[in-house]
Amino acid sequence: MTTSAIVGLGMTEMGKVFGRSATRLAATAVRDAVADAGLSLSEVDGLLVSSGVRSDLSPLLAGVLGLHELSLLAQMNSYGATAGAMVASAAHAIAEGTATTVVCVFADTPLSESSAGPAWGAGGTALAGYRGWQAATGAATPNVLYALAARRHMKEFGTTSEQLGAVAVAQRAWAVHNPHAQMRAPITLEDHQASPWIAEPLHRLDCCLVSNGAVAVVVTSADRAADLAQPPVHLWGHGQAHEPRRLARGSHWGLRTPAARSGPQAMARAGVRREDIDLLELYDCYTYTVVVTLEDYGFCSKGEGGSFVADGRLGPGGELPCNTGGGQLSAFYMWGFTPLSEAIVQLRGQAGERQVPKHGTALVSGNGGILEYHSTLVLGAEARRQ
């Protein structure tokens, strides 16, 4: 099977970027990614697009870019797990000869200069059972539902708010040196604890940012990658697992996630063990998500995630560098393209002051829905030994 590599990365400004549509931002990111690889748009024969909460990016982007002779074109959506699924799909297309050069792009513009928009709503539709309870009580937003999951983890395993705060503090320490990060001022655990409740037990500093922007990556064969402009980032392994949530008696929701299946799949395909991973880029829509993903990937035992992160091991100088650009908590929120883009920068050795000294392998996670959809990539700075 032909192996694949990521050879181009394009990123727009992140955060309060107004006056540009998702399509325009995506087009900029694609052009930058292709140029970063040392290629031209005429060499692209595959395009995979993903739109965020605004859902205003479509395959029509191909026409905007002047890509009129594609062999692969699709819109993909498994929410925060999409980035990993896209890269895996691109790799399969290249291996089977469907395409030679595939661009994967995500763009979203949820922020507006005039209004933040409605926080939640049931649309006036009558809902039965648990969904009806959610609508009636307002427990219908990700903030509230992730708060329920975090509270269950706390009740079952004794996880504390201070332990969640350690994740936020560590990731902000990384973001200080990331020029793309929206939040670069250092924070302390005291700052975390003093930040307002969003949905108890989640403070504001437990929750991800909201960002306008776009990210694109270029995937091609490993053989071709060797002759291009940037150090290739090789795809060693990938995995997916999807479990639409079941909020009912006997469910393990909030205690175990699909990462418990997706992670081992990817590592087995890559032929690596956890101790072979140099750095982690984990989907961090909330601090709690990092804790439960670390458990499910097996970096610590189930229920020990809180104590595992409390000693600073995830931050600069720690033994397990995690979310080295600040993640979605402090850098920017581009769904799974946030952890993917940082992994690429680190494996290339281009992260500047935040560069991790040992950066041969990275594990990248994507989490979608309310702990429902999951993708995992194992990436390497060198081609995997077959």
Protein backbone atom coordinates (compact mmCIF):
# COMPACT_ATOMS: atom_id res chain seq x y z
CA MET A 1 0.00 0.00 0.00
CA THR A 2 1.28 3.45 -0.92
CA THR A 3 2.06 5.50 2.16
CA SER A 4 1.02 9.14 2.44
CA ALA A 5 2.35 12.33 3.94
CA ILE A 6 1.12 15.81 4.73
CA VAL A 7 3.24 18.23 2.71
CA GLY A 8 1.47 21.58 2.96
CA LEU A 9 -0.17 23.66 5.69
CA GLY A 10 -2.16 26.86 5.25
CA MET A 11 -3.71 28.89 8.08
CA THR A 12 -5.54 32.21 8.08
CA GLU A 13 -5.73 34.66 10.94
CA MET A 14 -7.79 33.25 13.81
CA GLY A 15 -10.41 34.71 16.11
CA LYS A 16 -12.25 37.95 15.43
CA VAL A 17 -11.69 37.87 11.69
CA PHE A 18 -14.60 39.77 10.17
CA GLY A 19 -15.62 40.75 6.66
CA ARG A 20 -14.61 37.49 5.01
CA SER A 21 -16.88 34.53 4.33
CA ALA A 22 -15.95 30.95 5.18
CA THR A 23 -15.49 30.30 1.47
CA ARG A 24 -13.08 33.20 1.11
CA LEU A 25 -11.13 32.13 4.19
CA ALA A 26 -11.02 28.53 2.95
CA ALA A 27 -9.75 29.63 -0.45
CA THR A 28 -6.95 31.59 1.21
CA ALA A 29 -5.96 28.63 3.38
CA VAL A 30 -5.96 26.24 0.39
CA ARG A 31 -3.81 28.54 -1.73
CA ASP A 32 -1.38 29.01 1.16
CA ALA A 33 -1.19 25.26 1.84
CA VAL A 34 -0.49 24.44 -1.80
CA ALA A 35 2.18 27.15 -2.01
CA ASP A 36 3.67 25.94 1.28
CA ALA A 37 4.15 22.53 -0.33
CA GLY A 38 5.86 24.07 -3.34
CA LEU A 39 3.01 23.00 -5.62
CA SER A 40 0.53 24.77 -7.88
CA LEU A 41 -3.25 24.52 -7.83
CA SER A 42 -3.14 22.82 -11.21
CA GLU A 43 -1.49 19.83 -9.51
CA VAL A 44 -4.38 19.35 -7.05
CA ASP A 45 -6.78 16.60 -8.12
CA GLY A 46 -8.64 16.04 -4.86
CA LEU A 47 -10.53 18.38 -2.51
CA LEU A 48 -12.25 17.50 0.77
CA VAL A 49 -14.14 20.30 2.52
CA SER A 50 -15.58 20.60 6.02
CA SER A 51 -17.75 23.38 7.38
CA GLY A 52 -18.24 24.30 11.02
CA VAL A 53 -21.33 25.44 12.89
CA ARG A 54 -22.31 27.97 10.19
CA SER A 55 -22.39 25.24 7.53
CA ASP A 56 -21.56 27.78 4.83
CA LEU A 57 -18.68 26.02 3.08
CA SER A 58 -19.45 23.53 0.32
CA PRO A 59 -17.87 21.71 -2.65
CA LEU A 60 -18.58 24.89 -4.62
CA LEU A 61 -15.20 25.96 -3.24
CA ALA A 62 -13.65 23.96 -6.08
CA GLY A 63 -15.02 26.39 -8.65
CA VAL A 64 -13.89 29.38 -6.62
CA LEU A 65 -10.36 27.97 -6.69
CA GLY A 66 -10.54 27.16 -10.39
CA LEU A 67 -10.24 23.41 -9.76
CA HIS A 68 -12.27 22.20 -12.73
CA GLU A 69 -10.76 18.73 -13.26
CA LEU A 70 -10.84 16.90 -9.94
CA SER A 71 -10.84 13.14 -9.42
CA LEU A 72 -12.03 13.44 -5.82
CA LEU A 73 -14.46 16.00 -4.37
CA ALA A 74 -16.54 15.63 -1.22
CA GLN A 75 -17.93 17.44 1.78
CA MET A 76 -17.28 15.57 5.02
CA ASN A 77 -18.69 15.98 8.50
CA SER A 78 -18.15 13.90 11.58
CA TYR A 79 -17.94 17.08 13.64
CA GLY A 80 -14.70 17.43 15.59
CA ALA A 81 -13.52 14.05 14.31
CA THR A 82 -13.60 15.24 10.69
CA ALA A 83 -9.96 16.30 10.31
CA GLY A 84 -8.65 12.84 11.13
CA ALA A 85 -11.26 11.19 8.93
CA MET A 86 -10.35 13.51 6.06
CA VAL A 87 -6.63 12.74 6.21
CA ALA A 88 -7.39 9.01 6.35
CA SER A 89 -9.77 9.31 3.36
CA ALA A 90 -7.18 11.28 1.41
CA ALA A 91 -4.57 8.61 2.15
CA HIS A 92 -6.90 5.84 0.95
CA ALA A 93 -7.67 7.75 -2.25
CA ILE A 94 -3.96 8.18 -2.95
CA ALA A 95 -3.20 4.53 -2.18
CA GLU A 96 -5.86 3.26 -4.58
CA GLY A 97 -4.91 5.71 -7.33
CA THR A 98 -8.06 7.81 -7.24
CA ALA A 99 -6.05 10.99 -6.70
CA THR A 100 -2.44 12.06 -6.29
CA THR A 101 -2.71 15.37 -4.40
CA VAL A 102 -5.60 15.96 -2.00
CA VAL A 103 -6.33 19.15 -0.10
CA CYS A 104 -8.36 18.93 3.12
CA VAL A 105 -9.83 22.23 4.35
CA PHE A 106 -11.98 23.46 7.23
CA ALA A 107 -13.42 26.95 7.61
CA ASP A 108 -15.95 28.54 9.93
CA THR A 109 -17.21 32.03 10.80
CA PRO A 110 -19.40 31.71 13.91
CA LEU A 111 -18.38 35.13 15.27
CA SER A 112 -20.20 38.27 14.18
CA GLU A 113 -19.44 41.91 14.86
CA SER A 114 -23.07 42.62 15.70
CA SER A 115 -24.28 39.64 17.71
CA ALA A 116 -23.14 36.41 19.28
CA GLY A 117 -26.33 34.77 18.04
CA PRO A 118 -28.67 32.46 19.93
CA ALA A 119 -26.96 30.30 22.51
CA TRP A 120 -29.47 27.48 22.19
CA GLY A 121 -32.98 26.67 21.20
CA ALA A 122 -35.32 23.79 20.52
CA GLY A 123 -36.91 25.45 17.52
CA GLY A 124 -40.38 25.16 18.99
CA THR A 125 -40.53 21.45 18.28
CA ALA A 126 -42.08 19.12 20.82
CA LEU A 127 -39.53 16.53 21.92
CA ALA A 128 -40.17 13.33 23.82
CA GLY A 129 -38.19 11.58 26.53
CA TYR A 130 -34.73 12.77 27.53
CA ARG A 131 -34.56 15.16 24.58
CA GLY A 132 -37.74 16.82 25.82
CA TRP A 133 -36.20 17.26 29.27
CA GLN A 134 -33.14 18.83 27.70
CA ALA A 135 -35.21 21.35 25.76
CA ALA A 136 -37.47 22.17 28.70
CA THR A 137 -34.61 22.81 31.13
CA GLY A 138 -32.19 24.44 28.71
CA ALA A 139 -29.76 21.50 28.95
CA ALA A 140 -29.33 21.65 25.20
CA THR A 141 -25.96 23.28 24.61
CA PRO A 142 -22.52 21.65 24.51
CA ASN A 143 -21.52 23.64 27.60
CA VAL A 144 -24.30 22.12 29.67
CA LEU A 145 -23.91 18.61 28.32
CA TYR A 146 -20.14 18.56 28.78
CA ALA A 147 -20.71 19.89 32.29
CA LEU A 148 -22.93 16.86 32.94
CA ALA A 149 -20.21 14.55 31.62
CA ALA A 150 -17.53 16.25 33.71
CA ARG A 151 -19.73 16.10 36.82
CA ARG A 152 -20.26 12.38 36.31
CA HIS A 153 -16.50 11.86 36.01
CA MET A 154 -15.99 13.86 39.20
CA LYS A 155 -18.63 11.92 41.09
CA GLU A 156 -17.37 8.53 39.92
CA PHE A 157 -13.61 9.10 40.22
CA GLY A 158 -13.09 12.08 42.49
CA THR A 159 -11.77 14.36 39.74
CA THR A 160 -11.59 17.98 40.93
CA SER A 161 -12.00 21.39 39.37
CA GLU A 162 -8.42 22.22 40.32
CA GLN A 163 -7.21 19.21 38.33
CA LEU A 164 -9.15 20.40 35.29
CA GLY A 165 -7.62 23.81 35.86
CA ALA A 166 -4.13 22.32 35.59
CA VAL A 167 -4.91 21.49 31.95
CA ALA A 168 -5.93 25.08 31.22
CA VAL A 169 -2.82 26.49 32.91
CA ALA A 170 -0.47 24.13 31.05
CA GLN A 171 -1.97 24.87 27.68
CA ARG A 172 -1.90 28.62 28.21
CA ALA A 173 1.81 28.30 28.99
CA TRP A 174 2.26 26.80 25.52
CA ALA A 175 0.08 29.45 23.87
CA VAL A 176 2.32 32.24 25.15
CA HIS A 177 4.77 31.38 22.35
CA ASN A 178 2.22 30.74 19.59
CA PRO A 179 1.75 33.74 17.28
CA HIS A 180 -1.55 32.26 16.03
CA ALA A 181 -3.01 32.02 19.56
CA GLN A 182 -5.92 34.22 20.53
CA MET A 183 -5.02 34.10 24.24
CA ARG A 184 -1.34 34.53 25.09
CA ALA A 185 -1.29 36.02 28.59
CA PRO A 186 -0.18 33.44 31.21
CA ILE A 187 -2.75 32.26 33.73
CA THR A 188 -2.54 30.62 37.15
CA LEU A 189 -4.69 28.03 38.83
CA GLU A 190 -6.11 30.87 40.93
CA ASP A 191 -7.15 32.64 37.71
CA HIS A 192 -8.87 29.47 36.58
CA GLN A 193 -10.77 29.08 39.82
CA ALA A 194 -11.81 32.74 39.81
CA SER A 195 -13.12 32.68 36.24
CA PRO A 196 -16.94 32.70 36.01
CA TRP A 197 -19.00 29.55 35.90
CA ILE A 198 -20.26 28.72 32.43
CA ALA A 199 -22.06 25.54 33.43
CA GLU A 200 -20.96 24.20 36.79
CA PRO A 201 -18.48 22.48 37.22
CA LEU A 202 -16.99 24.16 34.14
CA HIS A 203 -15.45 27.61 34.52
CA ARG A 204 -14.90 29.93 31.59
CA LEU A 205 -11.26 28.80 31.45
CA ASP A 206 -12.41 25.19 31.12
CA CYS A 207 -14.11 26.01 27.81
CA CYS A 208 -12.72 26.38 24.31
CA LEU A 209 -12.59 29.59 22.33
CA VAL A 210 -14.85 30.59 19.45
CA SER A 211 -12.93 31.47 16.30
CA ASN A 212 -13.36 32.58 12.72
CA GLY A 213 -10.73 31.23 10.38
CA ALA A 214 -9.62 28.39 8.12
CA VAL A 215 -6.96 25.67 7.98
CA ALA A 216 -5.96 23.51 5.01
CA VAL A 217 -3.50 20.66 4.57
CA VAL A 218 -2.14 18.95 1.45
CA VAL A 219 -1.77 15.15 1.37
CA THR A 220 0.21 13.26 -1.26
CA SER A 221 2.25 10.06 -1.56
CA ALA A 222 5.32 9.67 0.63
CA ASP A 223 7.47 9.08 -2.45
CA ARG A 224 6.43 12.38 -3.98
CA ALA A 225 6.66 14.18 -0.65
CA ALA A 226 10.41 13.63 -0.47
CA ASP A 227 10.97 16.10 -3.32
CA LEU A 228 8.69 18.91 -2.12
CA ALA A 229 9.37 22.15 -0.29
CA GLN A 230 8.58 21.20 3.31
CA PRO A 231 9.68 18.36 5.59
CA PRO A 232 6.95 15.73 5.09
CA VAL A 233 4.77 14.64 7.97
CA HIS A 234 4.05 10.96 7.44
CA LEU A 235 0.79 9.20 8.21
CA TRP A 236 1.69 6.13 10.24
CA GLY A 237 -1.73 5.04 11.44
CA HIS A 238 -5.33 6.13 11.83
CA GLY A 239 -8.46 4.99 13.63
CA GLN A 240 -12.11 5.93 14.02
CA ALA A 241 -14.85 4.98 16.47
CA HIS A 242 -18.34 6.45 16.68
CA GLU A 243 -20.89 5.95 19.43
CA PRO A 244 -23.94 8.27 19.23
CA ARG A 245 -24.72 9.11 22.81
CA ARG A 246 -27.13 7.13 24.88
CA LEU A 247 -28.11 9.03 28.00
CA ALA A 248 -29.76 6.19 29.84
CA ARG A 249 -29.23 3.85 32.75
CA GLY A 250 -26.27 1.58 32.14
CA SER A 251 -24.58 3.99 29.75
CA HIS A 252 -20.86 4.73 30.17
CA TRP A 253 -21.32 8.23 28.72
CA GLY A 254 -19.00 10.69 30.41
CA LEU A 255 -16.81 7.93 31.84
CA ARG A 256 -15.52 6.33 28.65
CA THR A 257 -15.46 7.70 25.11
CA PRO A 258 -14.91 6.27 21.61
CA ALA A 259 -11.25 7.26 22.04
CA ALA A 260 -10.90 3.94 23.88
CA ARG A 261 -11.35 2.17 20.51
CA SER A 262 -10.05 4.76 18.07
CA GLY A 263 -6.69 5.26 19.81
CA PRO A 264 -5.65 1.60 19.98
CA GLN A 265 -6.69 1.15 16.32
CA ALA A 266 -4.41 3.95 15.18
CA MET A 267 -1.47 2.87 17.32
CA ALA A 268 -1.79 -0.75 16.19
CA ARG A 269 -1.83 0.29 12.53
CA ALA A 270 1.19 2.50 13.16
CA GLY A 271 3.03 -0.27 14.97
CA VAL A 272 3.71 1.92 18.01
CA ARG A 273 3.04 1.83 21.72
CA ARG A 274 2.13 4.72 23.99
CA GLU A 275 5.73 5.06 25.14
CA ASP A 276 6.77 5.64 21.51
CA ILE A 277 4.69 8.84 21.29
CA ASP A 278 6.70 12.04 21.75
CA LEU A 279 3.85 14.54 21.93
CA LEU A 280 0.08 14.67 22.08
CA GLU A 281 -2.25 17.02 20.25
CA LEU A 282 -5.64 16.27 21.79
CA TYR A 283 -9.04 17.69 21.00
CA ASP A 284 -9.73 20.00 23.93
CA CYS A 285 -13.16 21.54 23.58
CA TYR A 286 -13.09 21.42 27.40
CA THR A 287 -10.38 20.65 29.93
CA TYR A 288 -12.35 17.57 30.93
CA THR A 289 -12.09 16.23 27.36
CA VAL A 290 -8.30 16.13 27.66
CA VAL A 291 -8.52 14.21 30.94
CA VAL A 292 -10.93 11.55 29.69
CA THR A 293 -9.05 11.15 26.38
CA LEU A 294 -5.75 10.57 28.18
CA GLU A 295 -7.47 7.81 30.17
CA ASP A 296 -9.08 6.24 27.12
CA TYR A 297 -5.81 6.28 25.17
CA GLY A 298 -4.22 4.46 28.11
CA PHE A 299 -1.69 7.09 29.18
CA CYS A 300 -3.09 6.61 32.68
CA SER A 301 -5.62 4.26 34.24
CA LYS A 302 -9.33 4.95 34.05
CA GLY A 303 -10.31 7.39 36.76
CA GLU A 304 -6.74 8.64 37.32
CA GLY A 305 -6.76 11.35 34.66
CA GLY A 306 -7.26 14.16 37.15
CA SER A 307 -4.25 13.28 39.26
CA PHE A 308 -2.25 12.47 36.11
CA VAL A 309 -2.52 16.03 34.75
CA ALA A 310 -2.21 17.84 38.08
CA ASP A 311 1.60 17.84 38.31
CA GLY A 312 2.32 19.89 35.18
CA ARG A 313 3.50 17.00 33.02
CA LEU A 314 1.51 18.31 30.02
CA GLY A 315 3.06 21.77 29.98
CA PRO A 316 6.40 23.17 28.78
CA GLY A 317 9.22 21.08 30.24
CA GLY A 318 6.84 18.28 31.21
CA GLU A 319 7.35 14.63 30.36
CA LEU A 320 4.28 14.42 28.09
CA PRO A 321 3.94 17.60 25.99
CA CYS A 322 0.28 18.10 25.15
CA ASN A 323 -1.44 20.72 23.00
CA THR A 324 1.78 22.54 22.45
CA GLY A 325 0.23 25.50 20.65
CA GLY A 326 -2.33 26.16 23.37
CA GLY A 327 -5.05 24.01 21.85
CA GLN A 328 -8.64 25.09 21.47
CA LEU A 329 -8.64 26.42 25.02
CA SER A 330 -6.07 29.15 24.36
CA ALA A 331 -5.02 29.18 20.68
CA PHE A 332 -8.04 28.87 18.36
CA TYR A 333 -11.01 26.61 17.68
CA MET A 334 -10.91 25.03 14.23
CA TRP A 335 -12.42 21.69 15.22
CA GLY A 336 -9.92 18.86 14.67
CA PHE A 337 -7.71 21.05 12.51
CA THR A 338 -6.44 22.78 15.65
CA PRO A 339 -4.57 19.71 16.97
CA LEU A 340 -3.68 18.55 13.45
CA SER A 341 -2.06 21.85 12.44
CA GLU A 342 0.03 22.02 15.61
CA ALA A 343 1.23 18.43 15.13
CA ILE A 344 2.42 19.34 11.64
CA VAL A 345 4.32 22.39 12.88
CA GLN A 346 5.95 20.40 15.69
CA LEU A 347 6.94 17.41 13.56
CA ARG A 348 8.48 19.73 11.00
CA GLY A 349 10.53 21.31 13.79
CA GLN A 350 9.12 24.74 12.99
CA ALA A 351 7.46 25.69 16.29
CA GLY A 352 10.03 28.25 17.40
CA GLU A 353 10.11 28.93 21.14
CA ARG A 354 7.49 26.28 21.83
CA GLN A 355 9.28 23.56 19.87
CA VAL A 356 9.38 20.21 21.66
CA PRO A 357 12.97 18.84 21.61
CA LYS A 358 11.89 15.27 20.91
CA HIS A 359 9.39 15.40 18.05
CA GLY A 360 9.55 12.21 16.04
CA THR A 361 5.98 11.04 16.62
CA ALA A 362 2.69 12.72 17.46
CA LEU A 363 -0.73 11.38 18.41
CA VAL A 364 -3.62 13.56 17.23
CA SER A 365 -7.20 13.19 18.40
CA GLY A 366 -10.52 14.45 17.11
CA ASN A 367 -13.69 14.44 19.19
CA GLY A 368 -17.12 15.26 17.79
CA GLY A 369 -20.60 15.76 19.12
CA ILE A 370 -20.93 15.26 22.86
CA LEU A 371 -18.24 12.57 23.22
CA GLU A 372 -19.79 10.64 20.32
CA TYR A 373 -17.45 10.65 17.33
CA HIS A 374 -13.72 10.08 17.44
CA SER A 375 -10.73 9.93 15.12
CA THR A 376 -7.05 9.35 15.86
CA LEU A 377 -3.95 9.89 13.75
CA VAL A 378 -0.40 8.76 14.45
CA LEU A 379 2.00 11.00 12.55
CA GLY A 380 5.76 10.73 12.16
CA ALA A 381 8.57 13.04 11.12
CA GLU A 382 10.12 10.14 9.22
CA ALA A 383 8.61 7.48 6.99
CA ARG A 384 7.36 4.53 8.97
CA ARG A 385 9.50 1.40 8.71
CA GLN A 386 7.41 -1.27 7.01
